[in-house]
Every structure is written in structure tokens, then in C-alpha cells.
N, C-alpha and C. Protein backbone atom coordinates (compact mmCIF):
# COMPACT_ATOMS: atom_id res chain seq x y z
N MET A 1 -26.47 22.07 -6.36
CA MET A 1 -26.19 21.44 -7.52
C MET A 1 -26.58 19.80 -7.14
N PRO A 2 -27.13 19.14 -8.46
CA PRO A 2 -27.54 17.93 -8.17
C PRO A 2 -26.68 16.89 -8.01
N VAL A 3 -26.68 15.69 -7.18
CA VAL A 3 -25.66 14.79 -6.91
C VAL A 3 -26.17 13.54 -7.77
N CYS A 4 -25.09 12.65 -8.09
CA CYS A 4 -25.21 11.36 -8.50
C CYS A 4 -26.36 10.50 -7.77
N LEU A 5 -27.01 9.85 -8.42
CA LEU A 5 -28.00 8.91 -7.63
C LEU A 5 -27.45 7.86 -7.21
N LYS A 6 -26.50 7.42 -7.95
CA LYS A 6 -25.37 6.04 -7.72
C LYS A 6 -24.41 6.68 -6.64
N HIS A 7 -23.69 7.71 -6.81
CA HIS A 7 -22.71 8.25 -5.85
C HIS A 7 -23.29 9.51 -5.22
N PRO A 8 -23.98 9.42 -4.04
CA PRO A 8 -24.37 10.63 -3.55
C PRO A 8 -23.18 11.67 -3.09
N ASP A 9 -22.02 11.20 -2.89
CA ASP A 9 -20.89 12.16 -2.51
C ASP A 9 -20.32 12.98 -3.61
N ARG A 10 -20.73 12.41 -4.85
CA ARG A 10 -20.30 13.05 -6.18
C ARG A 10 -21.28 14.20 -6.89
N GLU A 11 -20.83 15.00 -7.47
CA GLU A 11 -21.67 16.05 -8.21
C GLU A 11 -22.03 15.37 -9.61
N SER A 12 -23.28 15.64 -9.91
CA SER A 12 -23.55 15.19 -10.98
C SER A 12 -22.96 15.90 -12.27
N THR A 13 -22.55 15.39 -13.49
CA THR A 13 -22.26 16.25 -14.73
C THR A 13 -23.40 16.13 -16.09
N ALA A 14 -24.27 15.10 -15.63
CA ALA A 14 -25.09 15.06 -16.85
C ALA A 14 -26.31 14.38 -16.58
N ARG A 15 -27.25 14.32 -17.36
CA ARG A 15 -28.89 13.90 -16.96
C ARG A 15 -28.70 12.66 -18.16
N CYS A 16 -29.37 11.63 -17.57
CA CYS A 16 -29.61 10.43 -18.80
C CYS A 16 -30.97 11.02 -19.57
N CYS A 17 -30.66 10.56 -20.77
CA CYS A 17 -31.58 11.17 -21.73
C CYS A 17 -32.90 10.40 -21.84
N SER A 18 -32.78 9.31 -21.35
CA SER A 18 -34.01 8.47 -21.11
C SER A 18 -34.83 8.79 -19.84
N CYS A 19 -34.24 8.60 -18.76
CA CYS A 19 -35.01 8.86 -17.44
C CYS A 19 -34.73 10.13 -17.06
N GLY A 20 -33.72 11.14 -17.41
CA GLY A 20 -33.42 12.00 -16.89
C GLY A 20 -32.83 12.15 -15.61
N LYS A 21 -32.33 10.97 -14.99
CA LYS A 21 -31.71 11.14 -13.66
C LYS A 21 -30.30 12.04 -13.77
N PRO A 22 -29.89 12.41 -12.51
CA PRO A 22 -28.60 13.07 -12.86
C PRO A 22 -27.55 12.05 -12.22
N ILE A 23 -26.43 12.20 -13.24
CA ILE A 23 -25.48 10.89 -13.26
C ILE A 23 -23.93 11.76 -13.48
N CYS A 24 -23.02 10.97 -12.49
CA CYS A 24 -21.63 11.52 -12.61
C CYS A 24 -20.95 11.01 -13.76
N ARG A 25 -19.59 11.62 -13.90
CA ARG A 25 -18.79 10.99 -15.09
C ARG A 25 -18.56 9.52 -15.22
N GLU A 26 -18.45 9.21 -13.97
CA GLU A 26 -18.34 7.48 -13.99
C GLU A 26 -19.32 6.70 -14.31
N CYS A 27 -20.74 7.41 -14.16
CA CYS A 27 -21.88 6.52 -14.25
C CYS A 27 -22.50 6.76 -15.96
N VAL A 28 -21.61 7.68 -16.54
CA VAL A 28 -22.11 8.04 -18.08
C VAL A 28 -21.93 6.81 -18.74
N VAL A 29 -23.07 6.66 -19.67
CA VAL A 29 -22.74 5.38 -20.64
C VAL A 29 -23.34 6.33 -21.95
N ARG A 30 -22.13 6.38 -22.92
CA ARG A 30 -22.60 7.17 -24.09
C ARG A 30 -22.83 6.38 -25.31
N ARG A 31 -23.69 6.78 -26.07
CA ARG A 31 -24.26 6.13 -27.41
C ARG A 31 -24.18 7.27 -28.44
N GLY A 32 -23.39 7.36 -29.41
CA GLY A 32 -23.28 8.64 -30.25
C GLY A 32 -23.19 9.91 -29.28
N ARG A 33 -24.06 11.04 -29.33
CA ARG A 33 -24.01 12.17 -28.81
C ARG A 33 -24.77 11.98 -27.65
N SER A 34 -25.49 11.02 -27.31
CA SER A 34 -26.49 10.86 -26.09
C SER A 34 -25.77 10.30 -24.99
N VAL A 35 -26.42 10.65 -23.80
CA VAL A 35 -25.77 10.21 -22.51
C VAL A 35 -26.85 9.50 -21.76
N PHE A 36 -26.34 8.40 -21.19
CA PHE A 36 -27.43 7.48 -20.42
C PHE A 36 -26.74 6.79 -19.15
N CYS A 37 -27.52 6.56 -18.39
CA CYS A 37 -27.21 6.03 -17.06
C CYS A 37 -27.17 4.63 -17.05
N SER A 38 -27.75 3.77 -17.86
CA SER A 38 -27.66 2.37 -17.96
C SER A 38 -27.87 1.75 -19.23
N GLU A 39 -27.47 0.63 -19.51
CA GLU A 39 -27.85 -0.10 -20.86
C GLU A 39 -29.52 -0.08 -21.09
N GLN A 40 -30.27 -0.36 -19.88
CA GLN A 40 -31.64 -0.34 -20.08
C GLN A 40 -32.34 0.83 -20.27
N CYS A 41 -31.67 2.13 -19.90
CA CYS A 41 -32.09 3.17 -20.22
C CYS A 41 -32.04 3.54 -22.04
N ILE A 42 -30.88 2.89 -22.64
CA ILE A 42 -30.43 2.96 -23.72
C ILE A 42 -31.58 2.15 -24.62
N GLU A 43 -31.85 1.19 -24.24
CA GLU A 43 -32.80 -0.03 -24.71
C GLU A 43 -34.25 0.72 -24.98
N GLU A 44 -34.78 1.15 -23.62
CA GLU A 44 -35.91 1.94 -23.44
C GLU A 44 -35.98 3.27 -24.25
N PHE A 45 -34.92 3.92 -24.53
CA PHE A 45 -34.84 5.07 -25.34
C PHE A 45 -34.82 4.57 -26.69
N MET A 46 -34.24 3.56 -27.26
CA MET A 46 -34.35 3.20 -28.67
C MET A 46 -35.75 2.97 -28.96
N ARG A 47 -36.34 1.97 -28.07
CA ARG A 47 -37.80 1.45 -28.41
C ARG A 47 -38.62 2.58 -28.37
N THR A 48 -38.77 3.75 -27.42
CA THR A 48 -39.47 4.85 -27.59
C THR A 48 -39.28 5.67 -28.88
N THR A 49 -37.92 5.97 -29.24
CA THR A 49 -37.57 6.71 -30.20
C THR A 49 -38.08 5.93 -31.58
N GLY A 50 -38.34 4.59 -31.65
CA GLY A 50 -38.85 4.07 -32.77
C GLY A 50 -40.28 4.23 -32.80
N ARG A 51 -40.77 4.39 -31.82
CA ARG A 51 -42.42 4.74 -31.80
C ARG A 51 -42.70 5.99 -31.94
N THR A 52 -41.84 6.68 -31.44
CA THR A 52 -42.07 8.39 -31.76
C THR A 52 -41.67 8.78 -33.25
N ASN A 53 -40.67 7.93 -33.74
CA ASN A 53 -40.57 8.41 -35.19
C ASN A 53 -41.67 7.99 -36.23
N GLY A 54 -42.21 6.58 -35.73
CA GLY A 54 -43.34 6.20 -36.47
C GLY A 54 -44.45 6.88 -36.67
N PHE A 55 -44.78 7.49 -35.17
CA PHE A 55 -45.75 8.69 -34.90
C PHE A 55 -45.57 9.69 -35.89
N ILE A 56 -44.44 10.37 -35.81
CA ILE A 56 -43.96 11.53 -36.52
C ILE A 56 -44.28 11.35 -38.14
N ALA A 57 -43.76 10.30 -38.55
CA ALA A 57 -43.76 10.01 -40.03
C ALA A 57 -45.43 9.81 -40.42
N ARG A 58 -46.33 9.37 -39.61
CA ARG A 58 -47.57 9.00 -39.95
C ARG A 58 -48.15 10.64 -39.79
N GLU A 59 -47.79 11.19 -38.94
CA GLU A 59 -48.71 12.73 -38.81
C GLU A 59 -48.19 13.42 -39.91
N ARG A 60 -46.71 13.52 -40.61
CA ARG A 60 -46.43 14.32 -41.48
C ARG A 60 -46.86 13.80 -42.91
N ALA A 61 -47.00 12.33 -43.09
CA ALA A 61 -47.98 12.02 -44.29
C ALA A 61 -49.44 12.29 -44.14
N PHE A 62 -49.97 12.57 -43.03
CA PHE A 62 -51.15 13.09 -42.85
C PHE A 62 -51.37 14.32 -43.25
N GLN A 63 -50.35 15.10 -42.66
CA GLN A 63 -50.37 16.72 -42.95
C GLN A 63 -50.26 17.02 -44.46
N ARG A 64 -49.26 16.25 -45.01
CA ARG A 64 -49.20 16.28 -46.71
C ARG A 64 -50.40 15.86 -47.37
N LYS A 65 -51.11 14.97 -46.96
CA LYS A 65 -52.25 14.73 -47.36
C LYS A 65 -53.16 15.58 -47.44
N LYS A 66 -53.40 16.18 -46.33
CA LYS A 66 -54.54 17.46 -45.93
C LYS A 66 -54.20 18.48 -46.68
N LEU A 67 -52.94 18.89 -46.91
CA LEU A 67 -52.39 19.88 -47.64
C LEU A 67 -52.65 19.77 -49.24
N LEU A 68 -52.67 18.47 -49.79
CA LEU A 68 -53.00 18.23 -51.08
C LEU A 68 -54.45 18.23 -51.28
N VAL A 69 -55.13 17.85 -50.20
CA VAL A 69 -56.75 17.81 -50.59
C VAL A 69 -57.10 19.05 -50.48
N ARG A 70 -56.31 20.18 -49.85
CA ARG A 70 -56.88 21.63 -49.59
C ARG A 70 -56.56 22.41 -50.95
N LEU A 71 -55.24 21.95 -51.45
CA LEU A 71 -54.84 22.57 -52.79
C LEU A 71 -55.67 22.08 -53.99
N LEU A 72 -56.04 20.63 -54.03
CA LEU A 72 -56.96 20.22 -55.07
C LEU A 72 -58.15 20.92 -54.99
N THR A 73 -58.85 21.04 -53.86
CA THR A 73 -60.16 21.96 -53.65
C THR A 73 -60.04 23.13 -53.90
N THR A 74 -58.91 23.78 -53.60
CA THR A 74 -58.90 25.46 -54.12
C THR A 74 -58.70 25.49 -55.83
N PHE A 75 -58.14 24.48 -55.94
CA PHE A 75 -57.79 24.59 -57.55
C PHE A 75 -59.15 24.33 -58.34
N GLY A 76 -59.93 23.13 -58.01
CA GLY A 76 -61.15 23.07 -58.46
C GLY A 76 -62.06 24.12 -58.41
N ILE A 77 -62.30 24.72 -57.19
CA ILE A 77 -63.05 25.83 -57.03
C ILE A 77 -62.51 26.92 -58.10
N ALA A 78 -61.36 27.28 -58.29
CA ALA A 78 -60.83 28.28 -59.00
C ALA A 78 -61.38 27.89 -60.51
N ILE A 79 -61.16 26.74 -61.08
CA ILE A 79 -61.44 26.24 -62.43
C ILE A 79 -63.05 26.38 -62.52
N ALA A 80 -63.84 26.01 -61.66
CA ALA A 80 -65.09 26.27 -61.63
C ALA A 80 -65.56 27.56 -62.03
N ALA A 81 -65.10 28.61 -61.13
CA ALA A 81 -65.38 29.61 -61.21
C ALA A 81 -64.87 30.48 -62.66
N LEU A 82 -63.86 30.07 -63.01
CA LEU A 82 -63.21 30.53 -64.55
C LEU A 82 -64.18 30.02 -65.45
N ALA A 83 -64.81 28.66 -65.18
CA ALA A 83 -65.59 28.29 -66.25
C ALA A 83 -67.00 28.90 -66.23
N PHE A 84 -67.62 29.18 -65.22
CA PHE A 84 -68.88 29.81 -65.37
C PHE A 84 -68.54 31.23 -65.54
N ALA A 85 -67.67 32.01 -65.11
CA ALA A 85 -67.06 33.49 -65.94
C ALA A 85 -67.16 33.21 -67.33
N TRP A 86 -66.38 32.35 -67.92
CA TRP A 86 -66.23 32.45 -69.24
C TRP A 86 -67.67 32.16 -69.84
N TYR A 87 -68.31 31.07 -69.22
CA TYR A 87 -69.72 30.76 -69.87
C TYR A 87 -70.73 31.86 -69.92
N TYR A 88 -70.61 32.89 -69.05
CA TYR A 88 -71.41 34.02 -68.79
C TYR A 88 -71.09 34.99 -69.57
N LEU A 89 -69.71 35.45 -69.85
CA LEU A 89 -69.29 36.41 -70.70
C LEU A 89 -69.26 36.10 -71.99
N HIS A 90 -69.53 34.81 -72.49
CA HIS A 90 -69.27 34.53 -74.07
C HIS A 90 -70.56 33.85 -74.39
N ARG A 91 -71.78 34.28 -73.79
CA ARG A 91 -73.18 33.89 -74.24
C ARG A 91 -73.90 34.69 -75.45
């Protein structure tokens, strides 16, 4: 079983959400449901989470735009095919 990095005589009970270091109950710093080893790790986690969330939001917007283009292209091709079929059937 891993031991706490600050207290090598104690067994770790959790891992820091930011750096992944094993920590004992005494070293745990909680923010909501998350467990950290220090205030610096909390700040780094928040900074990284903000960048990650921004990237995810941009990626989702890009995927929605790509889907919309595909749908509009498919719709346009279907309309063109129907128009050609109607034109040739009603000549």
C-alpha cells in the first residue's frame, strides 16, 4: 500500500486530483468532492480545468458545425435529386 509523501510512516488514504501524489487523512485538502494535497495543487487544477473546459467547448462547437454542414449538404443533394427526377418524369 502506498504511503503519504509528507508522512512516510502513514498509509495513504487518497490521491491528489491535480498531481496524483498519495496523501494521508491529515494532508487532505478538500474542495467540493475533490481531494488535493495543497493549495497550489488546487490553483493548478482550477487553471488547467478552465483551459480544458474551454477546449472541450470549442471542440463541441466545431463538431456541431461539422454535423450541420453534413446535414445541409445531404439535404441539398436530396433536393437536387428530387428536382432532377421531377424534371425528367414530367417532360
